[in-house]
C-alpha atoms as a PDB file:
ATOM      1  CA  MET A   1     -32.470 -15.240 -11.385  1.00  0.00           C
ATOM      2  CA  ALA A   2     -36.093 -14.796 -13.113  1.00  0.00           C
ATOM      3  CA  ARG A   3     -39.077 -17.149 -13.124  1.00  0.00           C
ATOM      4  CA  ALA A   4     -40.151 -17.234 -16.480  1.00  0.00           C
ATOM      5  CA  LYS A   5     -40.835 -20.674 -17.851  1.00  0.00           C
ATOM      6  CA  ALA A   6     -41.239 -22.624 -20.784  1.00  0.00           C
ATOM      7  CA  THR A   7     -41.553 -25.979 -21.936  1.00  0.00           C
ATOM      8  CA  GLY A   8     -40.768 -27.044 -18.397  1.00  0.00           C
ATOM      9  CA  VAL A   9     -37.264 -25.597 -18.677  1.00  0.00           C
ATOM     10  CA  ASP A  10     -36.912 -21.951 -16.595  1.00  0.00           C
ATOM     11  CA  LEU A  11     -34.593 -19.844 -16.374  1.00  0.00           C
ATOM     12  CA  ARG A  12     -32.937 -20.548 -13.357  1.00  0.00           C
ATOM     13  CA  THR A  13     -32.023 -24.565 -14.513  1.00  0.00           C
ATOM     14  CA  LEU A  14     -30.411 -22.819 -17.719  1.00  0.00           C
ATOM     15  CA  ALA A  15     -28.285 -20.620 -15.652  1.00  0.00           C
ATOM     16  CA  SER A  16     -26.663 -23.547 -13.456  1.00  0.00           C
ATOM     17  CA  SER A  17     -26.971 -26.053 -16.372  1.00  0.00           C
ATOM     18  CA  PRO A  18     -25.274 -24.279 -19.498  1.00  0.00           C
ATOM     19  CA  ALA A  19     -25.296 -26.971 -21.702  1.00  0.00           C
ATOM     20  CA  VAL A  20     -29.324 -27.229 -21.607  1.00  0.00           C
ATOM     21  CA  LEU A  21     -28.991 -23.750 -23.597  1.00  0.00           C
ATOM     22  CA  SER A  22     -28.228 -25.154 -26.582  1.00  0.00           C
ATOM     23  CA  SER A  23     -31.249 -27.918 -26.371  1.00  0.00           C
ATOM     24  CA  GLU A  24     -34.616 -27.420 -27.990  1.00  0.00           C
ATOM     25  CA  ALA A  25     -36.252 -26.884 -24.844  1.00  0.00           C
ATOM     26  CA  GLY A  26     -33.473 -24.042 -23.772  1.00  0.00           C
ATOM     27  CA  ARG A  27     -33.987 -22.094 -26.600  1.00  0.00           C
ATOM     28  CA  ALA A  28     -37.753 -22.140 -26.354  1.00  0.00           C
ATOM     29  CA  ALA A  29     -37.403 -21.003 -22.661  1.00  0.00           C
ATOM     30  CA  LEU A  30     -34.872 -18.109 -23.994  1.00  0.00           C
ATOM     31  CA  THR A  31     -37.218 -17.085 -26.539  1.00  0.00           C
ATOM     32  CA  SER A  32     -40.431 -17.179 -24.447  1.00  0.00           C
ATOM     33  CA  ALA A  33     -38.345 -15.182 -21.509  1.00  0.00           C
ATOM     34  CA  LEU A  34     -37.522 -12.631 -24.107  1.00  0.00           C
ATOM     35  CA  ALA A  35     -40.876 -12.585 -25.821  1.00  0.00           C
ATOM     36  CA  SER A  36     -42.758 -11.612 -22.128  1.00  0.00           C
ATOM     37  CA  ARG A  37     -41.719  -8.217 -22.724  1.00  0.00           C
ATOM     38  CA  VAL A  38     -40.884  -7.938 -18.954  1.00  0.00           C
ATOM     39  CA  ALA A  39     -37.638  -6.346 -17.679  1.00  0.00           C
ATOM     40  CA  GLU A  40     -36.341  -9.497 -15.395  1.00  0.00           C
ATOM     41  CA  PRO A  41     -37.040 -12.178 -17.702  1.00  0.00           C
ATOM     42  CA  VAL A  42     -35.493 -10.381 -20.657  1.00  0.00           C
ATOM     43  CA  ILE A  43     -32.316  -9.295 -18.955  1.00  0.00           C
ATOM     44  CA  ASP A  44     -31.827 -12.782 -17.606  1.00  0.00           C
ATOM     45  CA  ALA A  45     -32.056 -14.341 -20.891  1.00  0.00           C
ATOM     46  CA  ALA A  46     -30.136 -12.248 -22.536  1.00  0.00           C
ATOM     47  CA  ARG A  47     -26.809 -12.191 -20.535  1.00  0.00           C
ATOM     48  CA  LEU A  48     -27.771 -15.998 -20.971  1.00  0.00           C
ATOM     49  CA  ILE A  49     -26.976 -15.436 -24.361  1.00  0.00           C
ATOM     50  CA  ARG A  50     -24.151 -13.082 -24.566  1.00  0.00           C
ATOM     51  CA  GLU A  51     -22.323 -14.891 -21.574  1.00  0.00           C
ATOM     52  CA  HIS A  52     -22.684 -18.865 -23.466  1.00  0.00           C
ATOM     53  CA  GLY A  53     -22.438 -17.517 -26.992  1.00  0.00           C
ATOM     54  CA  VAL A  54     -25.686 -18.846 -27.915  1.00  0.00           C
ATOM     55  CA  SER A  55     -27.023 -17.998 -31.797  1.00  0.00           C
ATOM     56  CA  GLY A  56     -29.759 -18.210 -33.428  1.00  0.00           C
ATOM     57  CA  LEU A  57     -31.667 -15.703 -31.546  1.00  0.00           C
ATOM     58  CA  GLU A  58     -31.133 -12.740 -32.717  1.00  0.00           C
ATOM     59  CA  ASP A  59     -34.528 -12.232 -34.057  1.00  0.00           C
ATOM     60  CA  ALA A  60     -35.964 -12.266 -30.663  1.00  0.00           C
ATOM     61  CA  LEU A  61     -33.277 -10.108 -29.134  1.00  0.00           C
ATOM     62  CA  VAL A  62     -34.230  -7.357 -31.687  1.00  0.00           C
ATOM     63  CA  ALA A  63     -38.105  -8.012 -31.263  1.00  0.00           C
ATOM     64  CA  ALA A  64     -37.557  -7.648 -27.811  1.00  0.00           C
ATOM     65  CA  TYR A  65     -35.699  -4.756 -27.824  1.00  0.00           C
ATOM     66  CA  ARG A  66     -37.769  -3.118 -30.319  1.00  0.00           C
ATOM     67  CA  ALA A  67     -41.399  -3.461 -28.254  1.00  0.00           C
ATOM     68  CA  LEU A  68     -39.083  -2.347 -24.608  1.00  0.00           C
ATOM     69  CA  ALA A  69     -37.988   1.101 -26.937  1.00  0.00           C
ATOM     70  CA  GLY A  70     -41.635   1.694 -28.190  1.00  0.00           C
ATOM     71  CA  PRO A  71     -44.505   3.414 -26.121  1.00  0.00           C
ATOM     72  CA  LYS A  72     -44.600   1.010 -23.125  1.00  0.00           C
ATOM     73  CA  LYS A  73     -41.491   1.768 -22.528  1.00  0.00           C
ATOM     74  CA  SER A  74     -42.110   1.876 -18.641  1.00  0.00           C
ATOM     75  CA  ALA A  75     -41.867  -1.735 -18.580  1.00  0.00           C
ATOM     76  CA  ASP A  76     -38.158  -1.680 -18.420  1.00  0.00           C
ATOM     77  CA  PRO A  77     -37.381   1.357 -15.659  1.00  0.00           C
ATOM     78  CA  GLY A  78     -33.859   1.780 -15.983  1.00  0.00           C
ATOM     79  CA  CYS A  79     -33.266   0.653 -19.500  1.00  0.00           C
ATOM     80  CA  LEU A  80     -31.737  -2.340 -18.125  1.00  0.00           C
ATOM     81  CA  ALA A  81     -33.495  -4.723 -20.389  1.00  0.00           C
ATOM     82  CA  LYS A  82     -32.844  -2.900 -23.498  1.00  0.00           C
ATOM     83  CA  GLU A  83     -29.173  -2.613 -22.340  1.00  0.00           C
ATOM     84  CA  ALA A  84     -28.781  -6.196 -21.975  1.00  0.00           C
ATOM     85  CA  VAL A  85     -30.282  -7.003 -25.180  1.00  0.00           C
ATOM     86  CA  LEU A  86     -28.042  -4.637 -26.877  1.00  0.00           C
ATOM     87  CA  ALA A  87     -25.426  -6.139 -25.725  1.00  0.00           C
ATOM     88  CA  ALA A  88     -26.248  -9.808 -26.306  1.00  0.00           C
ATOM     89  CA  LEU A  89     -26.412  -8.487 -29.803  1.00  0.00           C
ATOM     90  CA  ASP A  90     -23.138  -6.848 -29.918  1.00  0.00           C
ATOM     91  CA  ALA A  91     -21.457  -9.714 -28.758  1.00  0.00           C
ATOM     92  CA  ASN A  92     -23.435 -12.230 -31.304  1.00  0.00           C
ATOM     93  CA  ASP A  93     -22.042  -9.453 -33.775  1.00  0.00           C
ATOM     94  CA  TYR A  94     -25.290  -8.290 -34.665  1.00  0.00           C
ATOM     95  CA  PHE A  95     -25.333  -6.726 -38.370  1.00  0.00           C
ATOM     96  CA  ASP A  96     -28.168  -4.885 -38.971  1.00  0.00           C
ATOM     97  CA  ALA A  97     -26.460  -1.312 -38.076  1.00  0.00           C
ATOM     98  CA  SER A  98     -30.282   0.392 -38.133  1.00  0.00           C
ATOM     99  CA  LEU A  99     -30.656  -0.663 -34.778  1.00  0.00           C
ATOM    100  CA  PHE A 100     -27.920   0.099 -33.134  1.00  0.00           C
ATOM    101  CA  ALA A 101     -28.228   3.611 -34.736  1.00  0.00           C
ATOM    102  CA  ASP A 102     -31.795   3.938 -33.220  1.00  0.00           C
ATOM    103  CA  ALA A 103     -30.377   3.245 -29.521  1.00  0.00           C
ATOM    104  CA  ALA A 104     -27.707   5.913 -29.964  1.00  0.00           C
ATOM    105  CA  ALA A 105     -30.919   8.122 -29.954  1.00  0.00           C
ATOM    106  CA  CYS A 106     -32.797   6.143 -27.133  1.00  0.00           C
ATOM    107  CA  THR A 107     -34.203   8.542 -24.504  1.00  0.00           C
ATOM    108  CA  GLN A 108     -36.592   7.265 -21.665  1.00  0.00           C
ATOM    109  CA  LEU A 109     -37.543   9.766 -19.374  1.00  0.00           C
ATOM    110  CA  ASP A 110     -38.479   7.609 -15.881  1.00  0.00           C
ATOM    111  CA  ARG A 111     -40.119   9.690 -13.333  1.00  0.00           C
ATOM    112  CA  GLY A 112     -38.801   9.105  -9.532  1.00  0.00           C
ATOM    113  CA  LYS A 113     -39.940  10.697  -6.534  1.00  0.00           C
ATOM    114  CA  THR A 114     -38.529  14.109  -6.768  1.00  0.00           C
ATOM    115  CA  VAL A 115     -37.351  13.938 -10.474  1.00  0.00           C
ATOM    116  CA  THR A 116     -37.559  12.704 -14.239  1.00  0.00           C
ATOM    117  CA  ARG A 117     -34.428  11.939 -15.683  1.00  0.00           C
ATOM    118  CA  ASP A 118     -33.762  10.403 -18.817  1.00  0.00           C
ATOM    119  CA  SER A 119     -32.416   6.685 -17.921  1.00  0.00           C
ATOM    120  CA  ALA A 120     -31.051   5.223 -21.570  1.00  0.00           C
ATOM    121  CA  GLY A 121     -27.989   6.854 -20.954  1.00  0.00           C
ATOM    122  CA  ARG A 122     -26.450   3.376 -21.225  1.00  0.00           C
ATOM    123  CA  VAL A 123     -28.488   2.263 -23.879  1.00  0.00           C
ATOM    124  CA  ARG A 124     -27.018   5.788 -26.232  1.00  0.00           C
ATOM    125  CA  ALA A 125     -23.647   4.064 -25.082  1.00  0.00           C
ATOM    126  CA  ARG A 126     -23.994   0.650 -26.177  1.00  0.00           C
ATOM    127  CA  GLY A 127     -25.602   2.358 -29.408  1.00  0.00           C
ATOM    128  CA  VAL A 128     -22.615   4.264 -30.535  1.00  0.00           C
ATOM    129  CA  LEU A 129     -19.904   1.189 -29.383  1.00  0.00           C
ATOM    130  CA  GLY A 130     -22.352  -1.097 -31.962  1.00  0.00           C
ATOM    131  CA  LEU A 131     -22.033   1.792 -34.712  1.00  0.00           C
ATOM    132  CA  ALA A 132     -18.310   1.298 -33.973  1.00  0.00           C
ATOM    133  CA  ARG A 133     -18.122  -2.109 -35.001  1.00  0.00           C
ATOM    134  CA  LEU A 134     -20.436  -2.145 -38.046  1.00  0.00           C
ATOM    135  CA  GLY A 135     -20.343   1.625 -39.552  1.00  0.00           C
ATOM    136  CA  HIS A 136     -23.742   3.353 -41.007  1.00  0.00           C
ATOM    137  CA  PRO A 137     -24.004   6.271 -44.046  1.00  0.00           C
ATOM    138  CA  ASP A 138     -25.179   8.693 -40.782  1.00  0.00           C
ATOM    139  CA  LEU A 139     -21.838   7.183 -38.472  1.00  0.00           C
ATOM    140  CA  TRP A 140     -19.910  10.636 -38.092  1.00  0.00           C
ATOM    141  CA  PRO A 141     -23.570  12.730 -37.294  1.00  0.00           C
ATOM    142  CA  ILE A 142     -24.358  10.370 -34.540  1.00  0.00           C
ATOM    143  CA  PHE A 143     -21.159  10.452 -33.312  1.00  0.00           C
ATOM    144  CA  GLY A 144     -20.886  14.367 -33.275  1.00  0.00           C
ATOM    145  CA  ALA A 145     -24.442  14.242 -31.286  1.00  0.00           C
ATOM    146  CA  ARG A 146     -23.357  11.827 -28.705  1.00  0.00           C
ATOM    147  CA  LEU A 147     -20.012  13.904 -28.191  1.00  0.00           C
ATOM    148  CA  ALA A 148     -22.390  16.510 -26.627  1.00  0.00           C
ATOM    149  CA  ASP A 149     -24.693  14.083 -25.029  1.00  0.00           C
ATOM    150  CA  PRO A 150     -25.989  15.327 -21.697  1.00  0.00           C
ATOM    151  CA  GLU A 151     -24.692  12.087 -19.862  1.00  0.00           C
ATOM    152  CA  PRO A 152     -20.733  11.992 -19.505  1.00  0.00           C
ATOM    153  CA  SER A 153     -20.880   8.200 -20.031  1.00  0.00           C
ATOM    154  CA  VAL A 154     -22.225   8.584 -23.298  1.00  0.00           C
ATOM    155  CA  ARG A 155     -19.902  11.099 -24.129  1.00  0.00           C
ATOM    156  CA  PHE A 156     -16.952   8.951 -23.113  1.00  0.00           C
ATOM    157  CA  ALA A 157     -18.202   5.717 -24.962  1.00  0.00           C
ATOM    158  CA  THR A 158     -18.393   8.128 -28.138  1.00  0.00           C
ATOM    159  CA  ALA A 159     -15.064   9.090 -27.608  1.00  0.00           C
ATOM    160  CA  SER A 160     -13.843   5.244 -27.475  1.00  0.00           C
ATOM    161  CA  ALA A 161     -16.082   4.300 -30.338  1.00  0.00           C
ATOM    162  CA  ILE A 162     -14.343   6.861 -32.348  1.00  0.00           C
ATOM    163  CA  ALA A 163     -10.844   5.714 -31.664  1.00  0.00           C
ATOM    164  CA  HIS A 164     -12.157   1.669 -32.369  1.00  0.00           C
ATOM    165  CA  ARG A 165     -13.932   2.886 -35.520  1.00  0.00           C
ATOM    166  CA  GLY A 166      -9.904   3.665 -36.212  1.00  0.00           C
ATOM    167  CA  GLN A 167     -10.605   6.203 -39.296  1.00  0.00           C
ATOM    168  CA  ARG A 168      -8.726   9.712 -39.418  1.00  0.00           C
ATOM    169  CA  GLU A 169     -11.825  11.350 -40.130  1.00  0.00           C
ATOM    170  CA  GLY A 170     -12.886  10.673 -36.707  1.00  0.00           C
ATOM    171  CA  ALA A 171     -10.034  13.432 -35.681  1.00  0.00           C
ATOM    172  CA  GLY A 172     -11.871  15.871 -36.317  1.00  0.00           C
ATOM    173  CA  LEU A 173     -14.899  15.488 -33.663  1.00  0.00           C
ATOM    174  CA  LEU A 174     -12.158  14.653 -31.295  1.00  0.00           C
ATOM    175  CA  LEU A 175     -10.459  17.951 -31.901  1.00  0.00           C
ATOM    176  CA  LEU A 176     -13.407  19.612 -31.615  1.00  0.00           C
ATOM    177  CA  LYS A 177     -14.588  17.935 -28.692  1.00  0.00           C
ATOM    178  CA  LEU A 178     -10.844  18.826 -27.180  1.00  0.00           C
ATOM    179  CA  GLY A 179     -11.373  22.725 -28.283  1.00  0.00           C
ATOM    180  CA  VAL A 180     -14.411  23.862 -26.475  1.00  0.00           C
ATOM    181  CA  GLY A 181     -13.880  21.227 -23.222  1.00  0.00           C
ATOM    182  CA  ASP A 182     -16.176  18.980 -21.354  1.00  0.00           C
ATOM    183  CA  ALA A 183     -17.413  19.405 -17.768  1.00  0.00           C
ATOM    184  CA  ASP A 184     -15.916  15.616 -16.811  1.00  0.00           C
ATOM    185  CA  PRO A 185     -11.970  15.956 -17.287  1.00  0.00           C
ATOM    186  CA  ASN A 186     -12.301  12.041 -17.985  1.00  0.00           C
ATOM    187  CA  VAL A 187     -14.328  12.587 -20.861  1.00  0.00           C
ATOM    188  CA  THR A 188     -11.348  14.943 -22.189  1.00  0.00           C
ATOM    189  CA  MET A 189      -8.861  12.593 -21.671  1.00  0.00           C
ATOM    190  CA  GLU A 190     -10.556   9.718 -23.609  1.00  0.00           C
ATOM    191  CA  CYS A 191     -10.875  11.810 -26.526  1.00  0.00           C
ATOM    192  CA  LEU A 192      -7.163  12.708 -25.832  1.00  0.00           C
ATOM    193  CA  ARG A 193      -6.335   8.979 -25.723  1.00  0.00           C
ATOM    194  CA  ALA A 194      -8.697   8.543 -29.185  1.00  0.00           C
ATOM    195  CA  LEU A 195      -6.870  11.542 -30.820  1.00  0.00           C
ATOM    196  CA  PHE A 196      -3.561   9.700 -30.423  1.00  0.00           C
ATOM    197  CA  ALA A 197      -5.008   6.905 -31.758  1.00  0.00           C
ATOM    198  CA  LEU A 198      -6.468   7.862 -34.700  1.00  0.00           C
ATOM    199  CA  ALA A 199      -3.635  11.272 -35.523  1.00  0.00           C
ATOM    200  CA  GLY A 200      -0.687  11.424 -33.253  1.00  0.00           C
ATOM    201  CA  ASP A 201       0.504  14.303 -35.726  1.00  0.00           C
ATOM    202  CA  LEU A 202      -2.796  15.878 -34.616  1.00  0.00           C
ATOM    203  CA  ALA A 203      -2.429  14.925 -30.943  1.00  0.00           C
ATOM    204  CA  VAL A 204       0.598  16.072 -29.609  1.00  0.00           C
ATOM    205  CA  PRO A 205      -0.502  19.790 -29.978  1.00  0.00           C
ATOM    206  CA  ALA A 206      -3.481  19.227 -28.218  1.00  0.00           C
ATOM    207  CA  ALA A 207      -2.002  17.575 -25.302  1.00  0.00           C
ATOM    208  CA  GLN A 208       0.736  20.024 -25.137  1.00  0.00           C
ATOM    209  CA  ARG A 209      -2.356  22.529 -24.654  1.00  0.00           C
ATOM    210  CA  LEU A 210      -3.979  21.081 -22.045  1.00  0.00           C
ATOM    211  CA  LEU A 211      -0.780  20.680 -20.069  1.00  0.00           C
ATOM    212  CA  ALA A 212      -0.202  23.903 -20.027  1.00  0.00           C
ATOM    213  CA  GLU A 213      -3.243  24.732 -18.603  1.00  0.00           C
ATOM    214  CA  ASP A 214      -3.631  25.805 -14.986  1.00  0.00           C
ATOM    215  CA  ASP A 215      -6.047  23.038 -13.556  1.00  0.00           C
ATOM    216  CA  PRO A 216      -4.462  20.723 -11.662  1.00  0.00           C
ATOM    217  CA  SER A 217      -6.848  17.955 -12.426  1.00  0.00           C
ATOM    218  CA  THR A 218      -6.754  18.750 -16.040  1.00  0.00           C
ATOM    219  CA  ARG A 219      -2.780  18.461 -15.874  1.00  0.00           C
ATOM    220  CA  GLU A 220      -2.748  15.378 -14.228  1.00  0.00           C
ATOM    221  CA  LEU A 221      -5.316  13.462 -15.970  1.00  0.00           C
ATOM    222  CA  THR A 222      -4.071  14.226 -19.547  1.00  0.00           C
ATOM    223  CA  LEU A 223      -0.338  13.063 -18.061  1.00  0.00           C
ATOM    224  CA  GLN A 224      -2.168   9.674 -17.689  1.00  0.00           C
ATOM    225  CA  ALA A 225      -3.845   9.839 -21.002  1.00  0.00           C
ATOM    226  CA  LEU A 226      -0.429  10.816 -22.297  1.00  0.00           C
ATOM    227  CA  GLY A 227       0.765   7.493 -20.329  1.00  0.00           C
ATOM    228  CA  THR A 228      -1.603   5.014 -21.636  1.00  0.00           C
ATOM    229  CA  ALA A 229      -1.585   6.113 -25.186  1.00  0.00           C
ATOM    230  CA  SER A 230      -0.441   3.498 -27.596  1.00  0.00           C
ATOM    231  CA  ASP A 231       1.806   5.844 -29.424  1.00  0.00           C
ATOM    232  CA  ASP A 232       5.605   7.057 -28.954  1.00  0.00           C
ATOM    233  CA  ARG A 233       4.560  10.417 -29.628  1.00  0.00           C
ATOM    234  CA  ALA A 234       2.638  10.512 -26.515  1.00  0.00           C
ATOM    235  CA  LEU A 235       5.558   9.668 -24.665  1.00  0.00           C
ATOM    236  CA  ALA A 236       8.182  12.003 -26.537  1.00  0.00           C
ATOM    237  CA  VAL A 237       5.522  14.508 -25.130  1.00  0.00           C
ATOM    238  CA  LEU A 238       6.183  13.316 -21.181  1.00  0.00           C
ATOM    239  CA  GLN A 239      10.002  13.188 -22.124  1.00  0.00           C
ATOM    240  CA  ASP A 240       9.716  16.942 -22.935  1.00  0.00           C
ATOM    241  CA  GLU A 241       7.422  17.805 -20.402  1.00  0.00           C
ATOM    242  CA  LEU A 242       9.924  16.218 -17.566  1.00  0.00           C
ATOM    243  CA  GLU A 243      13.033  18.053 -18.901  1.00  0.00           C
ATOM    244  CA  ARG A 244      11.115  21.427 -18.598  1.00  0.00           C
ATOM    245  CA  ARG A 245      10.570  20.528 -15.122  1.00  0.00           C
ATOM    246  CA  THR A 246      12.897  21.146 -12.476  1.00  0.00           C
ATOM    247  CA  LEU A 247      11.155  20.641  -9.508  1.00  0.00           C
ATOM    248  CA  ALA A 248      10.933  17.248  -7.978  1.00  0.00           C
ATOM    249  CA  GLU A 249       7.569  17.369  -6.915  1.00  0.00           C
ATOM    250  CA  SER A 250       6.345  18.532 -10.757  1.00  0.00           C
ATOM    251  CA  ARG A 251       8.783  15.574 -12.091  1.00  0.00           C
ATOM    252  CA  ALA A 252       7.244  12.868  -9.847  1.00  0.00           C
ATOM    253  CA  PRO A 253       3.698  12.678 -11.828  1.00  0.00           C
ATOM    254  CA  VAL A 254       5.404  12.925 -14.793  1.00  0.00           C
ATOM    255  CA  VAL A 255       7.390   9.838 -13.986  1.00  0.00           C
ATOM    256  CA  GLU A 256       4.427   8.401 -12.698  1.00  0.00           C
ATOM    257  CA  ALA A 257       2.493   8.963 -16.264  1.00  0.00           C
ATOM    258  CA  LEU A 258       5.377   7.355 -17.763  1.00  0.00           C
ATOM    259  CA  GLY A 259       5.085   4.302 -15.689  1.00  0.00           C
ATOM    260  CA  LEU A 260       1.662   3.673 -16.712  1.00  0.00           C
ATOM    261  CA  SER A 261       3.023   2.544 -20.784  1.00  0.00           C
ATOM    262  CA  VAL A 262       4.236  -0.846 -21.255  1.00  0.00           C
ATOM    263  CA  ARG A 263       5.702   0.604 -24.293  1.00  0.00           C
ATOM    264  CA  PRO A 264       9.626  -0.226 -24.730  1.00  0.00           C
ATOM    265  CA  ARG A 265      10.661   3.734 -24.943  1.00  0.00           C
ATOM    266  CA  ALA A 266       9.002   4.360 -21.647  1.00  0.00           C
ATOM    267  CA  ARG A 267      10.510   1.856 -19.725  1.00  0.00           C
ATOM    268  CA  GLU A 268      13.906   2.899 -21.118  1.00  0.00           C
ATOM    269  CA  LEU A 269      13.633   6.143 -19.907  1.00  0.00           C
ATOM    270  CA  LEU A 270      12.419   4.789 -16.220  1.00  0.00           C
ATOM    271  CA  LEU A 271      15.514   2.308 -16.107  1.00  0.00           C
ATOM    272  CA  GLY A 272      17.625   5.619 -16.939  1.00  0.00           C
ATOM    273  CA  LEU A 273      16.164   7.615 -14.160  1.00  0.00           C
ATOM    274  CA  VAL A 274      16.944   4.644 -11.835  1.00  0.00           C
ATOM    275  CA  ALA A 275      20.748   4.213 -13.613  1.00  0.00           C
ATOM    276  CA  ASP A 276      21.340   7.719 -13.294  1.00  0.00           C
ATOM    277  CA  GLY A 277      18.963  10.214 -12.087  1.00  0.00           C
ATOM    278  CA  GLY A 278      18.872  11.923  -8.971  1.00  0.00           C
ATOM    279  CA  ASP A 279      17.581  10.788  -5.744  1.00  0.00           C
ATOM    280  CA  ALA A 280      13.847  11.689  -6.353  1.00  0.00           C
ATOM    281  CA  ASP A 281      14.181  10.736  -9.961  1.00  0.00           C
ATOM    282  CA  ALA A 282      15.131   7.329  -9.244  1.00  0.00           C
ATOM    283  CA  ARG A 283      13.062   6.754  -6.550  1.00  0.00           C
ATOM    284  CA  ALA A 284       9.805   7.930  -8.357  1.00  0.00           C
ATOM    285  CA  ALA A 285      10.910   5.975 -11.437  1.00  0.00           C
ATOM    286  CA  LEU A 286      11.654   3.150  -9.302  1.00  0.00           C
ATOM    287  CA  ARG A 287       8.181   3.050  -8.253  1.00  0.00           C
ATOM    288  CA  ALA A 288       6.752   3.241 -11.262  1.00  0.00           C
ATOM    289  CA  LEU A 289       8.426   0.653 -12.512  1.00  0.00           C
ATOM    290  CA  THR A 290       7.241  -1.962  -9.904  1.00  0.00           C
ATOM    291  CA  ILE A 291       3.587  -1.667 -10.711  1.00  0.00           C
ATOM    292  CA  HIS A 292       4.867  -4.126 -13.527  1.00  0.00           C
ATOM    293  CA  ARG A 293       5.938  -6.410 -11.051  1.00  0.00           C
ATOM    294  CA  TYR A 294       4.922  -9.378 -12.725  1.00  0.00           C
ATOM    295  CA  ASP A 295       7.065  -8.770 -15.731  1.00  0.00           C
ATOM    296  CA  GLN A 296      10.130 -10.698 -14.483  1.00  0.00           C
ATOM    297  CA  ARG A 297      12.524  -9.287 -17.244  1.00  0.00           C
ATOM    298  CA  LEU A 298      11.552  -5.751 -16.324  1.00  0.00           C
ATOM    299  CA  ILE A 299      12.006  -6.357 -12.899  1.00  0.00           C
ATOM    300  CA  ALA A 300      15.564  -8.052 -13.486  1.00  0.00           C
ATOM    301  CA  GLN A 301      16.420  -4.775 -15.933  1.00  0.00           C
ATOM    302  CA  LEU A 302      15.312  -2.959 -12.850  1.00  0.00           C
ATOM    303  CA  ARG A 303      17.862  -4.767 -10.105  1.00  0.00           C
ATOM    304  CA  GLU A 304      20.240  -3.738 -13.125  1.00  0.00           C
ATOM    305  CA  ALA A 305      19.733  -0.506 -13.038  1.00  0.00           C
ATOM    306  CA  VAL A 306      19.597   0.074  -8.891  1.00  0.00           C
ATOM    307  CA  GLU A 307      22.850  -1.531  -8.936  1.00  0.00           C
ATOM    308  CA  GLN A 308      24.306   0.703 -11.518  1.00  0.00           C
ATOM    309  CA  ASN A 309      23.019   3.267  -9.452  1.00  0.00           C
ATOM    310  CA  GLY A 310      24.974   2.195  -6.115  1.00  0.00           C
ATOM    311  CA  SER A 311      22.616   3.344  -3.772  1.00  0.00           C
ATOM    312  CA  ALA A 312      21.881   1.263  -0.447  1.00  0.00           C
ATOM    313  CA  GLN A 313      18.677   3.194  -0.237  1.00  0.00           C
ATOM    314  CA  LEU A 314      17.434   2.807  -3.228  1.00  0.00           C
ATOM    315  CA  GLU A 315      18.383  -1.341  -2.788  1.00  0.00           C
ATOM    316  CA  ALA A 316      16.101  -1.256  -0.049  1.00  0.00           C
ATOM    317  CA  LEU A 317      13.489   0.770  -1.593  1.00  0.00           C
ATOM    318  CA  LEU A 318      13.022  -1.820  -4.044  1.00  0.00           C
ATOM    319  CA  GLU A 319      12.891  -4.933  -2.041  1.00  0.00           C
ATOM    320  CA  ARG A 320      10.198  -2.920  -0.146  1.00  0.00           C
ATOM    321  CA  GLU A 321       8.411  -2.148  -3.157  1.00  0.00           C
ATOM    322  CA  LEU A 322       8.513  -5.826  -4.280  1.00  0.00           C
ATOM    323  CA  THR A 323       7.686  -7.562  -1.375  1.00  0.00           C
ATOM    324  CA  GLY A 324       4.903  -4.850   0.364  1.00  0.00           C
END
């Protein structure tokens, strides 16, 4: 914890005695730390404000961000202070979208021993996530630009932000990104999940196209995205894929993807495989369901399905999975 001090109260004291935060002296210490424009105390103060829900210091947070994003950016190597300030403002539902729009375009070239790199990726990610909550007149152009950001983490955050915004208009950007692809498959999968959240009818053909690609990693991540999508149409794609596949080794990943879902339809399909499927499918479905062993109702249904199957080996596998 930083050693900034004001009015006799330092940040170490505030961290160990959170009740002091709401006092006049505590707020003065936080304000002093933010006004220092020094990365360490700013980070500590912003984290305390966020973690303890301290309100009323938004102006001091904004002033700290503006100062650290100005000409003296070198005072915040790695942009950790700016990121912490934005996180605190977002947690306190700060209302000025222009700040987050500026953050979404922030760059900072930090010079290392051998290379110079832009360290502001996490700031841009925080910016787009703040805009997802607030909106902005240039929301879609900003999101479009950040979907092409050099940093994968920013592209991933932008796809998440588009989904969080909940507007079908965002589907166009996601379809464009899925069409051109991404060097990071995790970004592609987040775009697919976001597309299911906004426009499941458009997401289905996009998912089918990705499953048809030759790249095993793209196929695996597409299956995972389908399993974690909050739309039964994603499960229908998985069911169709399962019906298309005949070999156990190609069916198993589809079964595993179904196991990622907590939707009733997915569990119904898997319980059916345990009760009436072939040996390989039943074993794969059982393993997929036991990852939810905390759900006692599901485990009771799984025991019934194993009993219906009548396989002693399957019953033994269930006990191993539950106790292992």
